[in-house]
Amino acid sequence: MSKVQAGFVVERVEDMDENYKKALKQTLMIVGDTELLSVPPLLTVYKDAPNLNYKITALAVMQDEIGHAHIAYRLLKDLGEDVQYMLYERPSNRWKNPYAFDFKLDNWVELGVFNGLFDRAGYNLLGDAHQHTSYGPWKRALVKVDKEELFHLRNGEIIMKAAMKNPETAKQVQEAIDWMFIMSLEFFGVADNLKSRSSQLDYKLKGKTNDELRQKWMSTAVPFCESLGLEIPARYNAETGKYELKVPFPCKFDEENKRWKYDEPDTWDNVIKRFKQRGPQNQEFVNRIQKGHQLLEAYRNEAI
């Protein structure tokens, strides 16, 4: 740990102790699962794109995400993980993607808000890793990922801006913001004062704390949403120089109606339980990832 804290860049498995390797594997699994499982929600509505250019761009975003997942899984393979099992045999409730990715999108506009908010979270998280990670192979791979995540969030901004010009689609933007804004804040994990493990910081797999990353996300998301005239549950406090929420965080979530219950504060323990229980489309989306491989294996077995 002291070598890493002093600036040592880890290049080989032989340079790692077991705790470093464990923390790195956990981090890469979350990243890989997040990138890959971002695709099924987007697939639910990309065909509703208003023109061919939008549709091609949506497909390009999904292609990027699959490529980002491949990077994480390839690094995990180098670390000795059975990636074949991880991808095609792992039970759906064992995947580590954000809870937000276990929901179908309702319309094309939600795809834009997905890119504008969720990919903004990814851009902040992976940008921080790119800047600070002590693992050399990942740091180099993140050069490409960083630029592509910026493209994704800009695509979301373009879709959101265009949608605000029409009253009907402007309403859809606001409805998407109403459930996706708080969901985005959950991407960054538990509050710093409640976090029990600091291995990602200790081993310099990331540089900023959860709350610092949440603030960084809000520093661009809040002004952008305000510039569109959207109602959001956050504001800038000039006295503290920080962004603050106008509602309890965390709070309870009505999964069926995709609605936050601002009058019912919750605990991070309950939020983690919700994450582990997974969302309504978790099994469906993971099955979509695994189905082709499983069918191919079945056909091969029949042919033997």
Foldseek 3Di string as FASTA:
>chain_A
DVCLVVPAADEAPVVDDPLLLVVLLVVLQQLLLQLQLLQVQLVLALVQDPDPVSSVLSVVLNVLSNVRSVLSLVVVVRSPDPSCCVQAPDALLPRNHQLVSLDHDDYPLLQLVCLQQQLLLVLLFLVQLLVWASHVSSVVVSVVVNVSSVVSNVSSLVSQLVLLVDPVSVVVNLVSQQQVVLSSLCVLPDDPVPDDDDSCCVSRSGPDHSVVSSQVSCVPSVVSCVVSVHDHQWDADPVVRTIDGNAAPPADADQVVSHTDRVGHDDSVVVVVDRSVGHDRSNVSSCVSNVVVVVVVVVVVVVD
